[in-house]
Amino acid sequence: MSRHTGKHGVKHSMLGGIAVFVVVALTGFLLATNIRVNRTATVTSDTAQMVEQRVEQADKLRSEVSKLNSQINTLNKLAGTGDSDSSNSEDAGSGTVLPAVEGPGITVTLDDSPLWKTMVNSSGSASNINDYVIHQQDIEAVVNALWAGGAEAMMIQDQRVLFNSAVICVGNVLMLQGKQYSPPYTISAIGPTENMLNALADSQAVQVYQEYVSAFGLGWDVETKDTLKFPESPLAMQPLKYAKATNSGTSNSNDSSNSNDSNSSNDSGTSDDASGTGSTPSGSAGSTGTDGSATDNSSNTDASGSTGTDTSNSSSGGTSGD
């Protein structure tokens, strides 16, 4: 009886072992197949669609800004606050538009190396592609050098840029104020050509880029232009968080009074401290704070007609001049 039971026990254990082996083998096969499928499967993403939507939204907002700027300019003209000295102002008077400008300048063109496709295909890897394409820091190096060289107006591709314009590169695609651009990238600047050329030559960041031009064939071209023309463009103002507008009227008044007479201008700034506690009548003290009022003391006497006002102004002016 015990032998019979033993034989059946051996058979059951063998069958169990075979079953376990088959299950493990099937599990391994399924795992391997799943890994292969995951590796070869194309991962879908909505990133491209999101970018397209953002670009369309930016275009709509840009169009709306342009319309609002036009309305502001029209209202300013109707209100009589149009620009009376547009030749000395970068803004056309509304604070929302960069006027069209023209003048001498230079154009710098950056481009990807024509060797990058060959290098990637030959190596079978894109690990070295960064050496053969234009990057954000390359464009920023040129822009910063041109500003340092005295550029008064600048364009990247077909857009006017300011000192605070953001240049963002995603791969070898340039994002500028909501629009995408592919190489070659053209940077144009109006200003003193010799100074800007010297600034490009002296820039360490530009020198590093030119080393890559020699080593990897990146594109680099600089042209001097007798006349560059930049069109009118909406002014994308950056919100001010820390800077506050000052009262320009007060500063202009002080500058004007200082230029009229040295003694009277010093009196207006320091007469209170030099003459003590209110030694001058209120009529004369008030007169020295206005533009040019201290140049004619006879017209600044108080209502009583006293001439002591003139003596007080003269003495305090001599003290404050020190």
C-alpha atoms as a PDB file:
ATOM      1  CA  MET A   1       0.000   0.000   0.000  1.00  0.00           C
ATOM      2  CA  SER A   2       2.815   2.363   0.849  1.00  0.00           C
ATOM      3  CA  ARG A   3       4.640   1.563  -2.427  1.00  0.00           C
ATOM      4  CA  HIS A   4       1.517   2.268  -4.458  1.00  0.00           C
ATOM      5  CA  THR A   5       1.068   5.589  -2.749  1.00  0.00           C
ATOM      6  CA  GLY A   6       4.725   6.430  -3.321  1.00  0.00           C
ATOM      7  CA  LYS A   7       4.542   5.889  -7.082  1.00  0.00           C
ATOM      8  CA  HIS A   8       1.505   8.122  -7.400  1.00  0.00           C
ATOM      9  CA  GLY A   9       3.256  10.762  -5.282  1.00  0.00           C
ATOM     10  CA  VAL A  10       6.252  10.762  -7.606  1.00  0.00           C
ATOM     11  CA  LYS A  11       4.006  11.115 -10.657  1.00  0.00           C
ATOM     12  CA  HIS A  12       2.118  14.036  -9.098  1.00  0.00           C
ATOM     13  CA  SER A  13       5.341  15.819  -8.187  1.00  0.00           C
ATOM     14  CA  MET A  14       6.704  15.405 -11.715  1.00  0.00           C
ATOM     15  CA  LEU A  15       3.502  16.748 -13.237  1.00  0.00           C
ATOM     16  CA  GLY A  16       3.548  19.672 -10.833  1.00  0.00           C
ATOM     17  CA  GLY A  17       7.143  20.501 -11.741  1.00  0.00           C
ATOM     18  CA  ILE A  18       6.358  20.370 -15.453  1.00  0.00           C
ATOM     19  CA  ALA A  19       3.332  22.623 -14.937  1.00  0.00           C
ATOM     20  CA  VAL A  20       5.398  25.158 -13.002  1.00  0.00           C
ATOM     21  CA  PHE A  21       8.074  25.124 -15.719  1.00  0.00           C
ATOM     22  CA  VAL A  22       5.469  25.698 -18.435  1.00  0.00           C
ATOM     23  CA  VAL A  23       3.886  28.584 -16.500  1.00  0.00           C
ATOM     24  CA  VAL A  24       7.266  30.214 -15.886  1.00  0.00           C
ATOM     25  CA  ALA A  25       8.240  29.791 -19.549  1.00  0.00           C
ATOM     26  CA  LEU A  26       4.962  31.316 -20.749  1.00  0.00           C
ATOM     27  CA  THR A  27       5.324  34.198 -18.305  1.00  0.00           C
ATOM     28  CA  GLY A  28       8.857  34.901 -19.515  1.00  0.00           C
ATOM     29  CA  PHE A  29       7.742  34.778 -23.127  1.00  0.00           C
ATOM     30  CA  LEU A  30       4.900  37.220 -22.467  1.00  0.00           C
ATOM     31  CA  LEU A  31       7.209  39.611 -20.628  1.00  0.00           C
ATOM     32  CA  ALA A  32       9.772  39.536 -23.428  1.00  0.00           C
ATOM     33  CA  THR A  33       7.078  40.150 -26.030  1.00  0.00           C
ATOM     34  CA  ASN A  34       5.667  43.040 -24.008  1.00  0.00           C
ATOM     35  CA  ILE A  35       9.094  44.662 -23.699  1.00  0.00           C
ATOM     36  CA  ARG A  36       9.665  44.405 -27.459  1.00  0.00           C
ATOM     37  CA  VAL A  37       6.288  45.941 -28.194  1.00  0.00           C
ATOM     38  CA  ASN A  38       6.931  48.819 -25.789  1.00  0.00           C
ATOM     39  CA  ARG A  39      10.308  49.544 -27.356  1.00  0.00           C
ATOM     40  CA  THR A  40       9.010  49.650 -30.907  1.00  0.00           C
ATOM     41  CA  ALA A  41       5.731  51.372 -30.131  1.00  0.00           C
ATOM     42  CA  THR A  42       5.449  55.019 -31.158  1.00  0.00           C
ATOM     43  CA  VAL A  43       4.689  57.204 -28.191  1.00  0.00           C
ATOM     44  CA  THR A  44       1.994  59.661 -29.141  1.00  0.00           C
ATOM     45  CA  SER A  45       2.015  63.103 -27.586  1.00  0.00           C
ATOM     46  CA  ASP A  46      -0.162  66.171 -27.829  1.00  0.00           C
ATOM     47  CA  THR A  47       2.814  68.523 -27.458  1.00  0.00           C
ATOM     48  CA  ALA A  48       2.773  69.519 -31.127  1.00  0.00           C
ATOM     49  CA  GLN A  49      -0.933  70.246 -30.960  1.00  0.00           C
ATOM     50  CA  MET A  50      -0.472  72.330 -27.834  1.00  0.00           C
ATOM     51  CA  VAL A  51       2.276  74.357 -29.510  1.00  0.00           C
ATOM     52  CA  GLU A  52       0.065  75.023 -32.533  1.00  0.00           C
ATOM     53  CA  GLN A  53      -2.762  76.153 -30.278  1.00  0.00           C
ATOM     54  CA  ARG A  54      -0.447  78.496 -28.367  1.00  0.00           C
ATOM     55  CA  VAL A  55       0.895  79.965 -31.601  1.00  0.00           C
ATOM     56  CA  GLU A  56      -2.633  80.607 -32.875  1.00  0.00           C
ATOM     57  CA  GLN A  57      -3.553  82.186 -29.559  1.00  0.00           C
ATOM     58  CA  ALA A  58      -0.458  84.404 -29.677  1.00  0.00           C
ATOM     59  CA  ASP A  59      -1.324  85.513 -33.218  1.00  0.00           C
ATOM     60  CA  LYS A  60      -4.842  86.448 -32.142  1.00  0.00           C
ATOM     61  CA  LEU A  61      -3.554  88.397 -29.143  1.00  0.00           C
ATOM     62  CA  ARG A  62      -0.977  90.155 -31.307  1.00  0.00           C
ATOM     63  CA  SER A  63      -3.688  91.197 -33.743  1.00  0.00           C
ATOM     64  CA  GLU A  64      -5.839  92.444 -30.876  1.00  0.00           C
ATOM     65  CA  VAL A  65      -2.927  94.446 -29.452  1.00  0.00           C
ATOM     66  CA  SER A  66      -2.339  96.037 -32.840  1.00  0.00           C
ATOM     67  CA  LYS A  67      -5.994  97.090 -33.086  1.00  0.00           C
ATOM     68  CA  LEU A  68      -5.973  98.527 -29.565  1.00  0.00           C
ATOM     69  CA  ASN A  69      -2.759 100.421 -30.299  1.00  0.00           C
ATOM     70  CA  SER A  70      -4.383 101.937 -33.359  1.00  0.00           C
ATOM     71  CA  GLN A  71      -7.364 103.033 -31.281  1.00  0.00           C
ATOM     72  CA  ILE A  72      -5.077 104.575 -28.647  1.00  0.00           C
ATOM     73  CA  ASN A  73      -3.168 106.515 -31.286  1.00  0.00           C
ATOM     74  CA  THR A  74      -6.424 107.811 -32.773  1.00  0.00           C
ATOM     75  CA  LEU A  75      -7.704 108.917 -29.363  1.00  0.00           C
ATOM     76  CA  ASN A  76      -4.412 110.633 -28.570  1.00  0.00           C
ATOM     77  CA  LYS A  77      -4.606 112.595 -31.806  1.00  0.00           C
ATOM     78  CA  LEU A  78      -8.201 113.615 -31.081  1.00  0.00           C
ATOM     79  CA  ALA A  79      -7.215 114.671 -27.567  1.00  0.00           C
ATOM     80  CA  GLY A  80      -4.332 116.752 -28.883  1.00  0.00           C
ATOM     81  CA  THR A  81      -1.673 114.682 -27.155  1.00  0.00           C
ATOM     82  CA  GLY A  82       0.046 113.534 -30.333  1.00  0.00           C
ATOM     83  CA  ASP A  83       3.803 113.364 -30.554  1.00  0.00           C
ATOM     84  CA  SER A  84       5.314 116.817 -31.105  1.00  0.00           C
ATOM     85  CA  ASP A  85       8.914 115.671 -31.171  1.00  0.00           C
ATOM     86  CA  SER A  86       8.862 112.203 -32.702  1.00  0.00           C
ATOM     87  CA  SER A  87      12.399 112.571 -34.026  1.00  0.00           C
ATOM     88  CA  ASN A  88      13.805 112.344 -30.496  1.00  0.00           C
ATOM     89  CA  SER A  89      11.450 109.685 -29.186  1.00  0.00           C
ATOM     90  CA  GLU A  90      11.573 105.971 -29.890  1.00  0.00           C
ATOM     91  CA  ASP A  91       7.855 105.800 -29.142  1.00  0.00           C
ATOM     92  CA  ALA A  92       5.458 107.502 -31.515  1.00  0.00           C
ATOM     93  CA  GLY A  93       3.762 109.245 -28.569  1.00  0.00           C
ATOM     94  CA  SER A  94       1.261 106.612 -27.500  1.00  0.00           C
ATOM     95  CA  GLY A  95       3.583 104.417 -25.478  1.00  0.00           C
ATOM     96  CA  THR A  96       2.366 101.399 -27.434  1.00  0.00           C
ATOM     97  CA  VAL A  97       4.087 101.575 -30.832  1.00  0.00           C
ATOM     98  CA  LEU A  98       7.657 101.429 -32.025  1.00  0.00           C
ATOM     99  CA  PRO A  99       7.896 103.816 -34.988  1.00  0.00           C
ATOM    100  CA  ALA A 100       9.392 102.810 -38.298  1.00  0.00           C
ATOM    101  CA  VAL A 101      13.095 103.663 -38.413  1.00  0.00           C
ATOM    102  CA  GLU A 102      15.924 103.532 -40.903  1.00  0.00           C
ATOM    103  CA  GLY A 103      19.653 104.079 -40.837  1.00  0.00           C
ATOM    104  CA  PRO A 104      23.072 102.470 -41.244  1.00  0.00           C
ATOM    105  CA  GLY A 105      23.776  99.201 -39.505  1.00  0.00           C
ATOM    106  CA  ILE A 106      24.914  95.600 -39.782  1.00  0.00           C
ATOM    107  CA  THR A 107      23.274  92.227 -40.359  1.00  0.00           C
ATOM    108  CA  VAL A 108      24.524  89.015 -38.726  1.00  0.00           C
ATOM    109  CA  THR A 109      23.365  85.613 -40.014  1.00  0.00           C
ATOM    110  CA  LEU A 110      23.713  82.382 -38.018  1.00  0.00           C
ATOM    111  CA  ASP A 111      23.007  78.956 -39.514  1.00  0.00           C
ATOM    112  CA  ASP A 112      23.255  75.252 -38.679  1.00  0.00           C
ATOM    113  CA  SER A 113      26.218  73.337 -40.030  1.00  0.00           C
ATOM    114  CA  PRO A 114      25.565  71.454 -43.298  1.00  0.00           C
ATOM    115  CA  LEU A 115      27.541  68.549 -41.813  1.00  0.00           C
ATOM    116  CA  TRP A 116      25.095  67.629 -39.068  1.00  0.00           C
ATOM    117  CA  LYS A 117      22.993  65.242 -41.172  1.00  0.00           C
ATOM    118  CA  THR A 118      26.103  63.463 -42.427  1.00  0.00           C
ATOM    119  CA  MET A 119      27.516  63.110 -38.921  1.00  0.00           C
ATOM    120  CA  VAL A 120      24.267  61.779 -37.481  1.00  0.00           C
ATOM    121  CA  ASN A 121      23.752  59.286 -40.314  1.00  0.00           C
ATOM    122  CA  SER A 122      27.325  58.024 -40.155  1.00  0.00           C
ATOM    123  CA  SER A 123      27.397  57.581 -36.393  1.00  0.00           C
ATOM    124  CA  GLY A 124      23.816  56.377 -36.066  1.00  0.00           C
ATOM    125  CA  SER A 125      23.426  58.588 -33.025  1.00  0.00           C
ATOM    126  CA  ALA A 126      22.310  62.132 -32.394  1.00  0.00           C
ATOM    127  CA  SER A 127      24.621  62.546 -29.403  1.00  0.00           C
ATOM    128  CA  ASN A 128      26.895  64.980 -31.264  1.00  0.00           C
ATOM    129  CA  ILE A 129      24.173  66.978 -32.982  1.00  0.00           C
ATOM    130  CA  ASN A 130      24.431  69.831 -30.457  1.00  0.00           C
ATOM    131  CA  ASP A 131      27.802  70.786 -31.905  1.00  0.00           C
ATOM    132  CA  TYR A 132      26.308  71.330 -35.360  1.00  0.00           C
ATOM    133  CA  VAL A 133      23.201  73.438 -34.641  1.00  0.00           C
ATOM    134  CA  ILE A 134      22.516  76.987 -33.454  1.00  0.00           C
ATOM    135  CA  HIS A 135      21.603  77.389 -29.804  1.00  0.00           C
ATOM    136  CA  GLN A 136      19.883  80.053 -27.743  1.00  0.00           C
ATOM    137  CA  GLN A 137      23.138  81.297 -26.222  1.00  0.00           C
ATOM    138  CA  ASP A 138      24.589  81.865 -29.700  1.00  0.00           C
ATOM    139  CA  ILE A 139      21.792  84.246 -30.650  1.00  0.00           C
ATOM    140  CA  GLU A 140      21.910  85.945 -27.251  1.00  0.00           C
ATOM    141  CA  ALA A 141      25.667  86.471 -27.615  1.00  0.00           C
ATOM    142  CA  VAL A 142      25.210  88.366 -30.882  1.00  0.00           C
ATOM    143  CA  VAL A 143      22.248  90.385 -29.590  1.00  0.00           C
ATOM    144  CA  ASN A 144      24.051  91.406 -26.394  1.00  0.00           C
ATOM    145  CA  ALA A 145      27.177  92.382 -28.311  1.00  0.00           C
ATOM    146  CA  LEU A 146      25.167  94.570 -30.683  1.00  0.00           C
ATOM    147  CA  TRP A 147      23.417  96.330 -27.793  1.00  0.00           C
ATOM    148  CA  ALA A 148      26.783  96.852 -26.133  1.00  0.00           C
ATOM    149  CA  GLY A 149      28.097  98.318 -29.388  1.00  0.00           C
ATOM    150  CA  GLY A 150      25.461 101.042 -29.364  1.00  0.00           C
ATOM    151  CA  ALA A 151      22.627  99.549 -31.402  1.00  0.00           C
ATOM    152  CA  GLU A 152      19.607 101.852 -31.335  1.00  0.00           C
ATOM    153  CA  ALA A 153      17.090  99.511 -32.969  1.00  0.00           C
ATOM    154  CA  MET A 154      17.196  95.782 -33.664  1.00  0.00           C
ATOM    155  CA  MET A 155      15.302  93.032 -35.429  1.00  0.00           C
ATOM    156  CA  ILE A 156      15.517  89.232 -35.215  1.00  0.00           C
ATOM    157  CA  GLN A 157      14.036  87.686 -38.345  1.00  0.00           C
ATOM    158  CA  ASP A 158      10.962  89.857 -39.036  1.00  0.00           C
ATOM    159  CA  GLN A 159      10.318  91.092 -35.491  1.00  0.00           C
ATOM    160  CA  ARG A 160      11.465  94.222 -33.707  1.00  0.00           C
ATOM    161  CA  VAL A 161      13.103  93.422 -30.394  1.00  0.00           C
ATOM    162  CA  LEU A 162      13.943  95.383 -27.257  1.00  0.00           C
ATOM    163  CA  PHE A 163      16.504  94.882 -24.519  1.00  0.00           C
ATOM    164  CA  ASN A 164      14.035  92.678 -22.614  1.00  0.00           C
ATOM    165  CA  SER A 165      12.842  90.521 -25.531  1.00  0.00           C
ATOM    166  CA  ALA A 166      13.095  86.815 -24.700  1.00  0.00           C
ATOM    167  CA  VAL A 167      14.880  84.511 -27.142  1.00  0.00           C
ATOM    168  CA  ILE A 168      13.978  80.850 -26.541  1.00  0.00           C
ATOM    169  CA  CYS A 169      15.238  77.897 -28.570  1.00  0.00           C
ATOM    170  CA  VAL A 170      13.606  74.459 -28.566  1.00  0.00           C
ATOM    171  CA  GLY A 171      16.051  72.201 -30.345  1.00  0.00           C
ATOM    172  CA  ASN A 172      17.035  74.192 -33.410  1.00  0.00           C
ATOM    173  CA  VAL A 173      13.729  76.072 -33.563  1.00  0.00           C
ATOM    174  CA  LEU A 174      13.633  79.673 -32.342  1.00  0.00           C
ATOM    175  CA  MET A 175      10.652  80.934 -30.344  1.00  0.00           C
ATOM    176  CA  LEU A 176      10.348  84.721 -30.300  1.00  0.00           C
ATOM    177  CA  GLN A 177       7.287  86.462 -28.881  1.00  0.00           C
ATOM    178  CA  GLY A 178       5.011  83.552 -29.715  1.00  0.00           C
ATOM    179  CA  LYS A 179       6.307  82.840 -33.240  1.00  0.00           C
ATOM    180  CA  GLN A 180       8.497  79.971 -34.460  1.00  0.00           C
ATOM    181  CA  TYR A 181      11.493  80.379 -36.742  1.00  0.00           C
ATOM    182  CA  SER A 182      13.879  77.917 -38.346  1.00  0.00           C
ATOM    183  CA  PRO A 183      17.511  78.597 -39.284  1.00  0.00           C
ATOM    184  CA  PRO A 184      19.153  80.552 -40.739  1.00  0.00           C
ATOM    185  CA  TYR A 185      18.627  83.302 -38.164  1.00  0.00           C
ATOM    186  CA  THR A 186      19.136  86.924 -39.204  1.00  0.00           C
ATOM    187  CA  ILE A 187      19.864  89.634 -36.639  1.00  0.00           C
ATOM    188  CA  SER A 188      19.874  93.222 -37.913  1.00  0.00           C
ATOM    189  CA  ALA A 189      20.815  96.321 -35.927  1.00  0.00           C
ATOM    190  CA  ILE A 190      20.808 100.043 -36.700  1.00  0.00           C
ATOM    191  CA  GLY A 191      23.548 102.035 -35.030  1.00  0.00           C
ATOM    192  CA  PRO A 192      27.246 102.933 -35.206  1.00  0.00           C
ATOM    193  CA  THR A 193      28.594 100.215 -37.477  1.00  0.00           C
ATOM    194  CA  GLU A 194      32.228 100.408 -36.390  1.00  0.00           C
ATOM    195  CA  ASN A 195      31.351 100.237 -32.700  1.00  0.00           C
ATOM    196  CA  MET A 196      29.041  97.269 -33.235  1.00  0.00           C
ATOM    197  CA  LEU A 197      31.655  95.407 -35.288  1.00  0.00           C
ATOM    198  CA  ASN A 198      34.223  96.013 -32.560  1.00  0.00           C
ATOM    199  CA  ALA A 199      31.768  94.812 -29.920  1.00  0.00           C
ATOM    200  CA  LEU A 200      31.217  91.575 -31.854  1.00  0.00           C
ATOM    201  CA  ALA A 201      34.967  91.038 -32.138  1.00  0.00           C
ATOM    202  CA  ASP A 202      35.521  91.713 -28.420  1.00  0.00           C
ATOM    203  CA  SER A 203      32.676  89.514 -27.147  1.00  0.00           C
ATOM    204  CA  GLN A 204      33.999  86.322 -25.540  1.00  0.00           C
ATOM    205  CA  ALA A 205      30.723  84.498 -26.212  1.00  0.00           C
ATOM    206  CA  VAL A 206      30.933  85.376 -29.905  1.00  0.00           C
ATOM    207  CA  GLN A 207      34.562  84.248 -29.973  1.00  0.00           C
ATOM    208  CA  VAL A 208      33.506  80.849 -28.599  1.00  0.00           C
ATOM    209  CA  TYR A 209      30.856  80.595 -31.313  1.00  0.00           C
ATOM    210  CA  GLN A 210      33.430  81.380 -33.995  1.00  0.00           C
ATOM    211  CA  GLU A 211      35.570  78.512 -32.694  1.00  0.00           C
ATOM    212  CA  TYR A 212      32.629  76.213 -33.427  1.00  0.00           C
ATOM    213  CA  VAL A 213      32.338  77.832 -36.849  1.00  0.00           C
ATOM    214  CA  SER A 214      35.887  76.710 -37.611  1.00  0.00           C
ATOM    215  CA  ALA A 215      35.577  73.282 -36.005  1.00  0.00           C
ATOM    216  CA  PHE A 216      32.065  72.186 -37.013  1.00  0.00           C
ATOM    217  CA  GLY A 217      31.082  74.420 -39.933  1.00  0.00           C
ATOM    218  CA  LEU A 218      28.412  76.546 -38.268  1.00  0.00           C
ATOM    219  CA  GLY A 219      27.199  79.450 -40.384  1.00  0.00           C
ATOM    220  CA  TRP A 220      28.523  82.962 -39.672  1.00  0.00           C
ATOM    221  CA  ASP A 221      28.112  85.980 -41.926  1.00  0.00           C
ATOM    222  CA  VAL A 222      28.359  89.706 -41.128  1.00  0.00           C
ATOM    223  CA  GLU A 223      27.323  92.396 -43.615  1.00  0.00           C
ATOM    224  CA  THR A 224      27.555  96.172 -43.305  1.00  0.00           C
ATOM    225  CA  LYS A 225      24.498  98.017 -44.624  1.00  0.00           C
ATOM    226  CA  ASP A 226      24.300 101.662 -45.638  1.00  0.00           C
ATOM    227  CA  THR A 227      20.572 101.681 -44.960  1.00  0.00           C
ATOM    228  CA  LEU A 228      18.380  99.330 -42.963  1.00  0.00           C
ATOM    229  CA  LYS A 229      14.626  99.901 -42.714  1.00  0.00           C
ATOM    230  CA  PHE A 230      12.605  98.570 -39.783  1.00  0.00           C
ATOM    231  CA  PRO A 231       8.795  98.745 -39.962  1.00  0.00           C
ATOM    232  CA  GLU A 232       6.499 100.056 -37.266  1.00  0.00           C
ATOM    233  CA  SER A 233       5.763  97.467 -34.617  1.00  0.00           C
ATOM    234  CA  PRO A 234       3.581  97.131 -31.498  1.00  0.00           C
ATOM    235  CA  LEU A 235       5.527  97.758 -28.329  1.00  0.00           C
ATOM    236  CA  ALA A 236       5.296  94.754 -26.013  1.00  0.00           C
ATOM    237  CA  MET A 237       5.794  96.439 -22.647  1.00  0.00           C
ATOM    238  CA  GLN A 238       7.094  94.401 -19.741  1.00  0.00           C
ATOM    239  CA  PRO A 239       5.064  95.007 -16.551  1.00  0.00           C
ATOM    240  CA  LEU A 240       7.025  97.042 -14.014  1.00  0.00           C
ATOM    241  CA  LYS A 241       7.233  95.399 -10.588  1.00  0.00           C
ATOM    242  CA  TYR A 242       9.866  97.546  -8.866  1.00  0.00           C
ATOM    243  CA  ALA A 243      10.403 100.666 -10.983  1.00  0.00           C
ATOM    244  CA  LYS A 244       8.006 103.561 -10.451  1.00  0.00           C
ATOM    245  CA  ALA A 245       7.496 106.664 -12.562  1.00  0.00           C
ATOM    246  CA  THR A 246       8.939 109.822 -11.029  1.00  0.00           C
ATOM    247  CA  ASN A 247       7.452 113.312 -11.139  1.00  0.00           C
ATOM    248  CA  SER A 248       9.307 114.686 -14.133  1.00  0.00           C
ATOM    249  CA  GLY A 249       7.752 118.130 -13.599  1.00  0.00           C
ATOM    250  CA  THR A 250       9.573 118.620 -10.298  1.00  0.00           C
ATOM    251  CA  SER A 251      12.940 117.626 -11.674  1.00  0.00           C
ATOM    252  CA  ASN A 252      12.506 119.792 -14.749  1.00  0.00           C
ATOM    253  CA  SER A 253      11.575 122.746 -12.555  1.00  0.00           C
ATOM    254  CA  ASN A 254      14.681 122.333 -10.444  1.00  0.00           C
ATOM    255  CA  ASP A 255      16.856 122.021 -13.518  1.00  0.00           C
ATOM    256  CA  SER A 256      15.348 125.163 -14.992  1.00  0.00           C
ATOM    257  CA  SER A 257      15.806 127.212 -11.818  1.00  0.00           C
ATOM    258  CA  ASN A 258      19.386 126.000 -11.508  1.00  0.00           C
ATOM    259  CA  SER A 259      20.177 127.150 -15.027  1.00  0.00           C
ATOM    260  CA  ASN A 260      18.696 130.635 -14.516  1.00  0.00           C
ATOM    261  CA  ASP A 261      20.954 131.902 -11.730  1.00  0.00           C
ATOM    262  CA  SER A 262      23.514 130.080  -9.601  1.00  0.00           C
ATOM    263  CA  ASN A 263      22.824 132.018  -6.394  1.00  0.00           C
ATOM    264  CA  SER A 264      19.048 131.818  -6.671  1.00  0.00           C
ATOM    265  CA  SER A 265      19.142 128.110  -7.535  1.00  0.00           C
ATOM    266  CA  ASN A 266      21.263 127.305  -4.498  1.00  0.00           C
ATOM    267  CA  ASP A 267      18.912 129.421  -2.416  1.00  0.00           C
ATOM    268  CA  SER A 268      15.886 127.420  -3.545  1.00  0.00           C
ATOM    269  CA  GLY A 269      17.529 124.152  -2.569  1.00  0.00           C
ATOM    270  CA  THR A 270      19.151 125.020   0.788  1.00  0.00           C
ATOM    271  CA  SER A 271      17.903 128.391   2.038  1.00  0.00           C
ATOM    272  CA  ASP A 272      15.758 126.823   4.750  1.00  0.00           C
ATOM    273  CA  ASP A 273      18.731 125.075   6.314  1.00  0.00           C
ATOM    274  CA  ALA A 274      21.159 127.971   5.984  1.00  0.00           C
ATOM    275  CA  SER A 275      18.941 130.830   7.229  1.00  0.00           C
ATOM    276  CA  GLY A 276      17.588 129.075  10.292  1.00  0.00           C
ATOM    277  CA  THR A 277      13.957 128.929  11.396  1.00  0.00           C
ATOM    278  CA  GLY A 278      11.882 130.850   8.926  1.00  0.00           C
ATOM    279  CA  SER A 279      13.860 134.092   8.871  1.00  0.00           C
ATOM    280  CA  THR A 280      12.448 134.949   5.448  1.00  0.00           C
ATOM    281  CA  PRO A 281       8.817 135.940   4.936  1.00  0.00           C
ATOM    282  CA  SER A 282       6.501 133.383   3.394  1.00  0.00           C
ATOM    283  CA  GLY A 283       6.187 135.379   0.208  1.00  0.00           C
ATOM    284  CA  SER A 284       9.920 135.266  -0.586  1.00  0.00           C
ATOM    285  CA  ALA A 285      10.337 131.663   0.454  1.00  0.00           C
ATOM    286  CA  GLY A 286       7.663 130.589  -1.945  1.00  0.00           C
ATOM    287  CA  SER A 287       9.104 132.635  -4.776  1.00  0.00           C
ATOM    288  CA  THR A 288      12.485 130.922  -4.782  1.00  0.00           C
ATOM    289  CA  GLY A 289      10.967 127.512  -5.433  1.00  0.00           C
ATOM    290  CA  THR A 290       9.501 128.378  -8.827  1.00  0.00           C
ATOM    291  CA  ASP A 291      11.263 128.567 -12.187  1.00  0.00           C
ATOM    292  CA  GLY A 292      13.126 131.808 -12.670  1.00  0.00           C
ATOM    293  CA  SER A 293      11.307 133.602  -9.852  1.00  0.00           C
ATOM    294  CA  ALA A 294      14.493 134.409  -7.979  1.00  0.00           C
ATOM    295  CA  THR A 295      15.964 136.282 -10.955  1.00  0.00           C
ATOM    296  CA  ASP A 296      13.675 139.287 -10.350  1.00  0.00           C
ATOM    297  CA  ASN A 297      13.385 140.032  -6.635  1.00  0.00           C
ATOM    298  CA  SER A 298      11.360 143.189  -7.198  1.00  0.00           C
ATOM    299  CA  SER A 299       8.423 141.136  -8.461  1.00  0.00           C
ATOM    300  CA  ASN A 300       8.570 138.678  -5.574  1.00  0.00           C
ATOM    301  CA  THR A 301       7.941 140.959  -2.608  1.00  0.00           C
ATOM    302  CA  ASP A 302       5.086 140.058  -0.323  1.00  0.00           C
ATOM    303  CA  ALA A 303       1.778 141.880  -0.109  1.00  0.00           C
ATOM    304  CA  SER A 304       3.082 144.475   2.375  1.00  0.00           C
ATOM    305  CA  GLY A 305       5.558 145.784  -0.211  1.00  0.00           C
ATOM    306  CA  SER A 306       8.501 145.350   2.148  1.00  0.00           C
ATOM    307  CA  THR A 307      11.936 145.282   0.563  1.00  0.00           C
ATOM    308  CA  GLY A 308      13.370 143.201   3.381  1.00  0.00           C
ATOM    309  CA  THR A 309      12.519 140.208   1.302  1.00  0.00           C
ATOM    310  CA  ASP A 310      15.208 141.069  -1.227  1.00  0.00           C
ATOM    311  CA  THR A 311      17.873 141.363   1.468  1.00  0.00           C
ATOM    312  CA  SER A 312      16.883 138.032   2.963  1.00  0.00           C
ATOM    313  CA  ASN A 313      17.080 136.263  -0.404  1.00  0.00           C
ATOM    314  CA  SER A 314      20.446 137.787  -1.203  1.00  0.00           C
ATOM    315  CA  SER A 315      22.062 136.867   2.095  1.00  0.00           C
ATOM    316  CA  SER A 316      20.690 133.367   2.203  1.00  0.00           C
ATOM    317  CA  GLY A 317      21.747 132.823  -1.375  1.00  0.00           C
ATOM    318  CA  GLY A 318      25.329 133.700  -0.576  1.00  0.00           C
ATOM    319  CA  THR A 319      25.371 131.304   2.362  1.00  0.00           C
ATOM    320  CA  SER A 320      23.844 128.403   0.508  1.00  0.00           C
ATOM    321  CA  GLY A 321      26.243 128.816  -2.370  1.00  0.00           C
ATOM    322  CA  ASP A 322      29.020 127.490  -0.184  1.00  0.00           C
END
